[in-house]
Amino acid sequence: MTIGFASRAAVSTGALCTAGLLALAPAAATTGTGIDPGPRATAAPASLLYRHGTHVRPRPGAPEVPDLSALSWLVADAGTGDVLAAHDAHRRLPPASTLKTLFALTVVPVLPAGIRHRVSEKELAGIGTGSSLVGVAENRAYRVSDLWNGVFLNSGNDAVRVLAALSGGWRATAERMQEEARALGARDTRVKSPDGYDAPGQVSSAYDLAVFGRAGLRNPEFARYCARAAARFPDRDGGFYVIRNTNRLLTGADGVEPYRGLIGIKNGYTSHAGHTLVAAARRGGRTLVVSVMNPRSGGGHTVYEEARSLLDWGFDATGRVHPVGSLDALRPGLLRGPQAQSATAPVAHGDSASGAPVSWTIAGAALLGGAGVSLFLRVKWGPVPSC
C-alpha cells in the first residue's frame, strides 16, 4: 500500500509528539518529593496482594515468615504504609467488632468528647442478640468520652447505638462509614451494621482493617481510647464501676502475656466471624500494624499469639524484606509506597515541586509541543491530523 503525503505528515507529527513526551517524562519524574524509589526490581506488582496465598519478598538474611492458621492476615509498617508480608490480604470475611475501628474513624471527629447526653429508650433499641454490652442505661447521662471508653474497652454495642444516634442515626452512620472506607482506599469493606454485629453482606479484609488501624493512630483521641487498659464507667445509680480492655495482648488478662510496646487498637469476636484483631506496637521508633482474621486452630487466645508472631517477625525483618504492597495503594490521589508520609503526618498528594500535578505538567508540555509541530507541518504541507 502506498502511503500518501498527508499520512506521512501525520506519522511524522505522531512520532514527534511521542518523542516530546519521552523527553519530558524523566524531567517530570524528578519533581515532587525527590525520594529515590530504588531499583525497579524491588517494586511489588500492584496486584500481588490480590493473589491467593502468603506473600513475602525476603532479602538475604531475612527471618522466615511465621506459619499461621488465620484465614487472612497482614503486617505493615504504619509509618510508610509498606506491607511487609500478607496472606490472602483482600479475602472478604466478616470483621466482627474490629469494624468498630471504622466506626470510630467516622464518628470521633464529629462528636466533642465533653458533650453530655441523656440516653433514651429508643436509642438502645435494635441491639443484636448476644451483643457485648458495657451497661449503658436509659435516662442516665453520659459524656461522649464515657461512651467511647465503652466502645473501645468493652466493645459495647449499646454505646455504639447511642453514639450513632448522636451522629445522625444508624443507617446514616453506616453510609458515612462506607464513604470513609472508600476515601481510605478500603475497597473490600461493606458496612451493614456499624457495631460489627454479623449481618448479611457485611465484610472486610485484613488489608482494610490494617488501613483502618493505621488511620486511627493518626487521630489523637482514637489513639488514646484504643491504648487505654481500664477506665471508670457510670453506673445506673450515679456511681461508677471499672471496665477493662478486652484486648488481652494489651492487658495480659486470662494468661495472655502482654506484648511489649503494644499501643492497642481493637479485637473482636462473633460465632460467624471467629476471632479477629487489629493491633499496633512501637519499638525503636518504628510502628507496625497487624491484622489477623479467624484463626482456624487453637482456642480463643490464638488470635493474640498469631498477632504476636507477626509483630515479632515484622520487627526482626526490619530492612531485610522488600514490600509486597502498600496500605496507600488504593487510596485516591495519594503517593504510593516509599513516598507515603509518616503515620502521624498528613499524607502528601502527587503534586510536583512547583505545585502543579506532574501528569498535567507532562500533558501541558506535550500539547504545546504538538501544537508547534502541527503548525509547522500545516504551513509546509497543509492540514494534517492532530496527534
Protein backbone atom coordinates (compact mmCIF):
# COMPACT_ATOMS: atom_id res chain seq x y z
CA MET A 1 0.00 0.00 0.00
CA THR A 2 1.27 3.45 -0.88
CA ILE A 3 1.27 5.99 1.95
CA GLY A 4 0.01 9.38 0.84
CA PHE A 5 1.74 12.67 1.62
CA ALA A 6 -0.75 13.67 4.31
CA SER A 7 -0.32 10.28 6.00
CA ARG A 8 3.47 10.74 6.09
CA ALA A 9 2.90 14.10 7.75
CA ALA A 10 0.58 12.53 10.32
CA VAL A 11 3.15 9.82 11.11
CA SER A 12 5.83 12.47 11.50
CA THR A 13 3.60 14.50 13.78
CA GLY A 14 2.76 11.48 15.96
CA ALA A 15 6.38 10.46 16.18
CA LEU A 16 7.50 13.93 17.19
CA CYS A 17 4.74 14.20 19.82
CA THR A 18 5.74 10.83 21.26
CA ALA A 19 9.38 11.83 21.29
CA GLY A 20 8.48 15.01 23.11
CA LEU A 21 6.62 13.07 25.78
CA LEU A 22 9.51 10.67 26.26
CA ALA A 23 11.94 13.51 26.59
CA LEU A 24 9.77 15.33 29.11
CA ALA A 25 8.88 12.32 31.27
CA PRO A 26 12.25 11.87 33.03
CA ALA A 27 12.41 15.54 33.91
CA ALA A 28 8.87 15.49 35.31
CA ALA A 29 9.62 12.35 37.31
CA THR A 30 12.38 14.15 39.19
CA THR A 31 9.94 16.71 40.61
CA GLY A 32 7.91 16.16 43.76
CA THR A 33 9.39 14.57 46.89
CA GLY A 34 12.78 13.69 45.40
CA ILE A 35 12.72 10.29 47.13
CA ASP A 36 14.61 7.60 45.24
CA PRO A 37 12.19 4.68 44.82
CA GLY A 38 15.14 2.30 44.48
CA PRO A 39 15.80 -0.34 41.82
CA ARG A 40 12.82 -1.26 39.69
CA ALA A 41 13.17 -4.89 40.75
CA THR A 42 12.16 -4.05 44.34
CA ALA A 43 8.71 -2.71 43.39
CA ALA A 44 5.94 -5.22 44.02
CA PRO A 45 3.26 -5.68 41.34
CA ALA A 46 0.15 -3.68 42.20
CA SER A 47 -1.98 -6.81 42.06
CA LEU A 48 0.25 -9.02 44.22
CA LEU A 49 -1.86 -8.74 47.37
CA TYR A 50 -4.95 -9.85 45.43
CA ARG A 51 -3.34 -13.21 44.71
CA HIS A 52 -4.10 -16.23 46.88
CA GLY A 53 -1.53 -17.42 49.41
CA THR A 54 1.26 -15.97 51.53
CA HIS A 55 3.38 -13.21 50.05
CA VAL A 56 6.79 -12.06 51.31
CA ARG A 57 9.85 -10.83 49.40
CA PRO A 58 12.86 -11.58 51.59
CA ARG A 59 16.33 -10.15 51.21
CA PRO A 60 19.37 -12.21 52.23
CA GLY A 61 19.27 -12.96 55.94
CA ALA A 62 15.56 -12.24 56.38
CA PRO A 63 13.75 -14.29 59.06
CA GLU A 64 11.25 -16.89 57.91
CA VAL A 65 7.67 -15.64 57.92
CA PRO A 66 5.56 -17.42 60.57
CA ASP A 67 3.19 -20.21 59.58
CA LEU A 68 -0.22 -19.09 60.87
CA SER A 69 -3.67 -20.68 60.89
CA ALA A 70 -5.68 -17.47 60.29
CA LEU A 71 -7.72 -17.31 57.12
CA SER A 72 -6.25 -13.90 56.39
CA TRP A 73 -3.51 -11.74 57.92
CA LEU A 74 -1.21 -8.81 57.18
CA VAL A 75 1.73 -6.99 58.78
CA ALA A 76 2.73 -3.48 57.67
CA ASP A 77 4.90 -0.53 58.63
CA ALA A 78 2.48 2.10 59.97
CA GLY A 79 4.85 4.91 59.05
CA THR A 80 5.47 4.20 55.37
CA GLY A 81 2.42 2.04 54.72
CA ASP A 82 4.65 -0.71 53.29
CA VAL A 83 3.11 -4.16 53.59
CA LEU A 84 5.89 -6.47 54.76
CA ALA A 85 4.02 -9.75 54.39
CA ALA A 86 0.44 -10.92 53.97
CA HIS A 87 -1.77 -13.94 53.46
CA ASP A 88 -4.96 -13.60 51.40
CA ALA A 89 -4.94 -9.89 52.27
CA HIS A 90 -8.06 -8.99 50.27
CA ARG A 91 -10.14 -12.02 51.21
CA ARG A 92 -13.55 -10.70 52.28
CA LEU A 93 -14.58 -12.01 55.68
CA PRO A 94 -16.92 -10.90 58.48
CA PRO A 95 -14.93 -8.49 60.69
CA ALA A 96 -16.85 -8.67 64.00
CA SER A 97 -16.04 -5.78 66.35
CA THR A 98 -12.84 -4.80 64.55
CA LEU A 99 -15.27 -2.87 62.32
CA LYS A 100 -15.64 -0.50 65.28
CA THR A 101 -12.29 0.96 64.17
CA LEU A 102 -14.03 2.31 61.07
CA PHE A 103 -16.98 3.45 63.19
CA ALA A 104 -14.61 5.45 65.41
CA LEU A 105 -12.72 6.92 62.44
CA THR A 106 -16.05 8.17 61.11
CA VAL A 107 -17.71 9.43 64.29
CA VAL A 108 -14.93 10.56 66.68
CA PRO A 109 -14.20 13.73 64.64
CA VAL A 110 -17.83 14.92 64.72
CA LEU A 111 -18.69 14.43 68.42
CA PRO A 112 -16.77 16.51 71.01
CA ALA A 113 -15.66 14.27 73.87
CA GLY A 114 -17.06 16.51 76.60
CA ILE A 115 -20.68 16.57 75.42
CA ARG A 116 -23.11 15.10 77.96
CA HIS A 117 -26.16 13.23 76.71
CA ARG A 118 -29.10 11.58 78.50
CA VAL A 119 -29.86 8.26 76.83
CA SER A 120 -33.40 7.45 75.72
CA GLU A 121 -35.03 4.04 75.44
CA LYS A 122 -35.32 4.48 71.67
CA GLU A 123 -31.56 4.88 71.28
CA LEU A 124 -30.97 1.43 72.78
CA ALA A 125 -33.49 -0.35 70.56
CA GLY A 126 -32.34 -2.90 68.00
CA ILE A 127 -29.24 -4.24 69.76
CA GLY A 128 -28.45 -7.70 68.38
CA THR A 129 -29.00 -10.81 70.48
CA GLY A 130 -25.83 -11.85 72.31
CA SER A 131 -24.13 -8.49 71.73
CA SER A 132 -21.33 -7.37 74.00
CA LEU A 133 -22.58 -4.58 76.27
CA VAL A 134 -20.90 -2.06 78.56
CA GLY A 135 -24.07 -1.30 80.54
CA VAL A 136 -25.50 1.91 79.07
CA ALA A 137 -28.78 2.69 80.87
CA GLU A 138 -31.73 4.71 79.66
CA ASN A 139 -32.40 8.04 81.41
CA ARG A 140 -28.73 8.17 82.52
CA ALA A 141 -26.47 10.99 81.33
CA TYR A 142 -23.08 10.07 79.83
CA ARG A 143 -20.22 12.04 78.39
CA VAL A 144 -19.26 11.15 74.84
CA SER A 145 -15.83 10.13 76.17
CA ASP A 146 -17.53 7.63 78.53
CA LEU A 147 -19.30 6.06 75.59
CA TRP A 148 -16.07 5.78 73.60
CA ASN A 149 -14.45 4.01 76.56
CA GLY A 150 -17.38 1.60 76.39
CA VAL A 151 -16.79 1.04 72.67
CA PHE A 152 -13.02 0.50 72.79
CA LEU A 153 -12.61 -1.28 76.11
CA ASN A 154 -15.79 -3.37 76.40
CA SER A 155 -16.79 -3.41 72.73
CA GLY A 156 -20.18 -2.20 73.90
CA ASN A 157 -22.77 -2.33 71.14
CA ASP A 158 -25.07 -0.32 73.41
CA ALA A 159 -22.53 2.52 73.42
CA VAL A 160 -22.26 2.29 69.63
CA ARG A 161 -26.04 2.63 69.31
CA VAL A 162 -26.09 5.86 71.31
CA LEU A 163 -23.10 7.39 69.51
CA ALA A 164 -24.63 6.51 66.13
CA ALA A 165 -27.91 8.17 67.18
CA LEU A 166 -25.99 11.31 68.16
CA SER A 167 -24.22 11.41 64.80
CA GLY A 168 -27.23 11.13 62.50
CA GLY A 169 -28.77 7.71 63.03
CA TRP A 170 -27.94 4.07 62.41
CA ARG A 171 -28.40 3.96 58.65
CA ALA A 172 -26.79 7.35 58.00
CA THR A 173 -23.79 6.31 60.11
CA ALA A 174 -23.39 3.09 58.10
CA GLU A 175 -23.47 5.10 54.88
CA ARG A 176 -20.86 7.55 56.16
CA MET A 177 -18.68 4.65 57.29
CA GLN A 178 -18.88 3.24 53.78
CA GLU A 179 -17.80 6.59 52.35
CA GLU A 180 -14.92 6.79 54.83
CA ALA A 181 -13.76 3.31 53.84
CA ARG A 182 -13.72 4.27 50.16
CA ALA A 183 -11.83 7.50 50.92
CA LEU A 184 -9.16 5.45 52.71
CA GLY A 185 -8.86 3.01 49.79
CA ALA A 186 -10.50 0.17 51.76
CA ARG A 187 -12.50 -1.35 48.92
CA ASP A 188 -13.23 -4.76 50.43
CA THR A 189 -15.42 -3.41 53.23
CA ARG A 190 -19.22 -3.49 53.12
CA VAL A 191 -20.94 -1.87 56.11
CA LYS A 192 -24.36 -3.11 57.18
CA SER A 193 -24.21 -2.82 60.98
CA PRO A 194 -21.88 -0.11 62.40
CA ASP A 195 -21.12 -2.11 65.56
CA GLY A 196 -19.69 -5.07 63.62
CA TYR A 197 -22.55 -7.38 64.59
CA ASP A 198 -22.96 -10.14 62.00
CA ALA A 199 -25.24 -9.01 59.18
CA PRO A 200 -25.81 -10.44 55.68
CA GLY A 201 -23.26 -8.99 53.29
CA GLN A 202 -21.12 -7.30 55.94
CA VAL A 203 -17.45 -8.00 55.20
CA SER A 204 -13.99 -6.50 55.42
CA SER A 205 -10.45 -7.82 54.89
CA ALA A 206 -7.09 -7.98 56.63
CA TYR A 207 -5.92 -5.26 54.25
CA ASP A 208 -8.80 -2.92 55.04
CA LEU A 209 -8.59 -3.50 58.79
CA ALA A 210 -4.89 -2.62 58.72
CA VAL A 211 -5.78 0.55 56.78
CA PHE A 212 -8.31 1.48 59.49
CA GLY A 213 -5.88 0.73 62.29
CA ARG A 214 -3.14 2.82 60.72
CA ALA A 215 -5.53 5.71 60.11
CA GLY A 216 -6.76 5.51 63.69
CA LEU A 217 -3.27 6.05 65.06
CA ARG A 218 -3.22 9.45 63.33
CA ASN A 219 -6.19 10.64 65.41
CA PRO A 220 -5.06 11.53 68.98
CA GLU A 221 -8.47 10.72 70.52
CA PHE A 222 -8.70 7.36 68.77
CA ALA A 223 -5.11 6.57 69.81
CA ARG A 224 -5.84 7.36 73.48
CA TYR A 225 -9.02 5.28 73.62
CA CYS A 226 -7.53 2.23 71.91
CA ALA A 227 -4.47 2.24 74.21
CA ARG A 228 -6.45 2.52 77.46
CA ALA A 229 -6.29 -0.59 79.63
CA ALA A 230 -9.00 0.41 82.13
CA ALA A 231 -11.48 3.23 82.79
CA ARG A 232 -14.37 4.18 85.06
CA PHE A 233 -17.84 3.88 83.57
CA PRO A 234 -21.03 5.47 85.01
CA ASP A 235 -23.47 3.03 86.59
CA ARG A 236 -27.26 3.28 86.80
CA ASP A 237 -27.29 4.77 90.30
CA GLY A 238 -24.97 7.72 89.79
CA GLY A 239 -21.75 5.97 90.73
CA PHE A 240 -19.04 4.32 88.65
CA TYR A 241 -17.53 0.91 88.03
CA VAL A 242 -14.26 -0.13 86.39
CA ILE A 243 -14.21 -1.56 82.88
CA ARG A 244 -11.12 -3.26 81.45
CA ASN A 245 -9.96 -3.58 77.88
CA THR A 246 -10.77 -6.98 76.39
CA ASN A 247 -7.69 -6.80 74.13
CA ARG A 248 -5.62 -9.33 76.05
CA LEU A 249 -2.47 -8.57 74.09
CA LEU A 250 -2.64 -5.11 75.68
CA THR A 251 -3.68 -6.05 79.22
CA GLY A 252 -2.20 -9.50 79.70
CA ALA A 253 -5.50 -10.85 81.01
CA ASP A 254 -6.52 -14.54 81.10
CA GLY A 255 -2.98 -15.83 80.88
CA VAL A 256 -2.04 -14.00 77.66
CA GLU A 257 1.36 -12.36 78.03
CA PRO A 258 1.12 -8.62 77.23
CA TYR A 259 3.12 -7.55 74.20
CA ARG A 260 5.95 -5.12 74.90
CA GLY A 261 5.37 -1.84 73.09
CA LEU A 262 1.75 -2.57 72.19
CA ILE A 263 -0.29 0.59 71.60
CA GLY A 264 -3.65 -1.16 71.27
CA ILE A 265 -6.37 -0.87 68.64
CA LYS A 266 -9.26 -3.41 68.62
CA ASN A 267 -10.25 -7.03 68.96
CA GLY A 268 -13.50 -8.74 68.00
CA TYR A 269 -15.45 -11.98 68.06
CA THR A 270 -18.69 -13.45 66.79
CA SER A 271 -19.59 -17.08 66.16
CA HIS A 272 -19.72 -16.33 62.43
CA ALA A 273 -16.56 -14.21 62.15
CA GLY A 274 -14.46 -16.10 64.69
CA HIS A 275 -11.76 -14.11 66.47
CA THR A 276 -10.41 -11.00 64.76
CA LEU A 277 -7.79 -8.46 65.81
CA VAL A 278 -6.10 -5.28 64.66
CA ALA A 279 -3.06 -4.44 66.78
CA ALA A 280 -0.18 -1.97 66.65
CA ALA A 281 3.13 -1.85 68.51
CA ARG A 282 6.05 0.56 68.64
CA ARG A 283 9.69 -0.34 69.18
CA GLY A 284 12.85 1.59 68.44
CA GLY A 285 10.97 4.44 66.81
CA ARG A 286 9.15 2.11 64.40
CA THR A 287 5.44 1.28 64.49
CA LEU A 288 3.93 -1.86 63.00
CA VAL A 289 0.27 -2.65 62.46
CA VAL A 290 -1.06 -6.20 62.07
CA SER A 291 -4.46 -7.66 61.32
CA VAL A 292 -5.49 -11.27 61.94
CA MET A 293 -8.82 -12.75 60.87
CA ASN A 294 -10.30 -16.03 62.09
CA PRO A 295 -7.51 -18.41 63.19
CA ARG A 296 -8.51 -21.99 62.45
CA SER A 297 -6.58 -23.80 65.18
CA GLY A 298 -6.22 -23.42 68.93
CA GLY A 299 -8.63 -21.64 71.24
CA GLY A 300 -9.84 -18.09 71.69
CA HIS A 301 -6.37 -16.79 72.51
CA THR A 302 -4.81 -17.95 69.24
CA VAL A 303 -5.59 -14.63 67.54
CA TYR A 304 -3.34 -12.87 70.07
CA GLU A 305 -0.49 -15.35 69.72
CA GLU A 306 -0.59 -15.17 65.92
CA ALA A 307 -0.57 -11.38 66.10
CA ARG A 308 2.39 -11.62 68.48
CA SER A 309 4.24 -13.80 65.96
CA LEU A 310 3.61 -11.29 63.18
CA LEU A 311 4.81 -8.36 65.28
CA ASP A 312 7.96 -10.22 66.35
CA TRP A 313 8.66 -11.17 62.76
CA GLY A 314 8.00 -7.64 61.49
CA PHE A 315 10.41 -6.01 63.92
CA ASP A 316 13.03 -8.67 63.24
CA ALA A 317 12.60 -8.25 59.47
CA THR A 318 13.31 -4.51 59.53
CA GLY A 319 15.36 -3.66 56.44
CA ARG A 320 15.50 -7.29 55.37
CA VAL A 321 12.39 -7.62 53.20
CA HIS A 322 11.05 -5.80 50.15
CA PRO A 323 7.45 -4.56 50.40
CA VAL A 324 4.77 -6.75 48.85
CA GLY A 325 2.33 -3.82 48.62
CA SER A 326 1.24 -0.59 50.27
CA LEU A 327 -1.64 0.46 52.52
CA ASP A 328 -1.82 3.60 50.37
CA ALA A 329 -2.08 1.70 47.10
CA LEU A 330 -5.86 2.06 46.67
CA ARG A 331 -6.32 5.45 48.31
CA PRO A 332 -7.39 8.02 45.69
CA GLY A 333 -4.88 10.73 44.81
CA LEU A 334 -2.08 9.74 47.18
CA LEU A 335 1.56 8.88 46.66
CA ARG A 336 2.46 5.22 46.73
CA GLY A 337 4.97 3.11 48.61
CA PRO A 338 8.11 4.91 49.82
CA GLN A 339 6.60 8.31 49.02
CA ALA A 340 3.92 7.91 51.73
CA GLN A 341 4.37 10.17 54.74
CA SER A 342 4.67 9.04 58.37
CA ALA A 343 1.65 7.72 60.24
CA THR A 344 1.49 10.87 62.35
CA ALA A 345 1.67 13.37 59.49
CA PRO A 346 -0.74 14.34 56.68
CA VAL A 347 -0.26 12.23 53.59
CA ALA A 348 1.08 14.22 50.63
CA HIS A 349 -0.60 14.45 47.26
CA GLY A 350 1.12 13.68 43.98
CA ASP A 351 2.00 17.24 43.04
CA SER A 352 5.22 18.44 41.53
CA ALA A 353 7.61 20.78 43.34
CA SER A 354 6.07 23.75 41.53
CA GLY A 355 2.63 22.87 42.87
CA ALA A 356 1.27 21.58 39.54
CA PRO A 357 0.45 17.88 39.27
CA VAL A 358 3.13 16.01 37.34
CA SER A 359 0.62 14.47 34.95
CA TRP A 360 -0.69 17.93 34.00
CA THR A 361 2.86 19.22 33.57
CA ILE A 362 3.64 16.47 31.08
CA ALA A 363 0.32 16.81 29.29
CA GLY A 364 0.62 20.58 29.00
CA ALA A 365 4.14 20.40 27.62
CA ALA A 366 3.11 17.71 25.15
CA LEU A 367 0.17 19.80 23.92
CA LEU A 368 2.39 22.83 23.39
CA GLY A 369 4.99 20.75 21.57
CA GLY A 370 2.35 19.05 19.45
CA ALA A 371 0.77 22.39 18.54
CA GLY A 372 4.10 23.76 17.38
CA VAL A 373 4.84 20.74 15.21
CA SER A 374 1.31 20.79 13.78
CA LEU A 375 1.63 24.48 12.87
CA PHE A 376 4.96 23.87 11.11
CA LEU A 377 3.56 20.98 9.10
CA ARG A 378 0.36 22.88 8.26
CA VAL A 379 2.40 25.75 6.82
CA LYS A 380 4.65 23.43 4.85
CA TRP A 381 2.20 20.73 3.67
CA GLY A 382 -1.35 21.83 4.52
CA PRO A 383 -3.81 20.44 7.09
CA VAL A 384 -2.76 17.22 8.88
CA PRO A 385 -4.37 15.13 11.64
CA SER A 386 -3.55 16.16 15.23
CA CYS A 387 -1.54 13.84 17.48
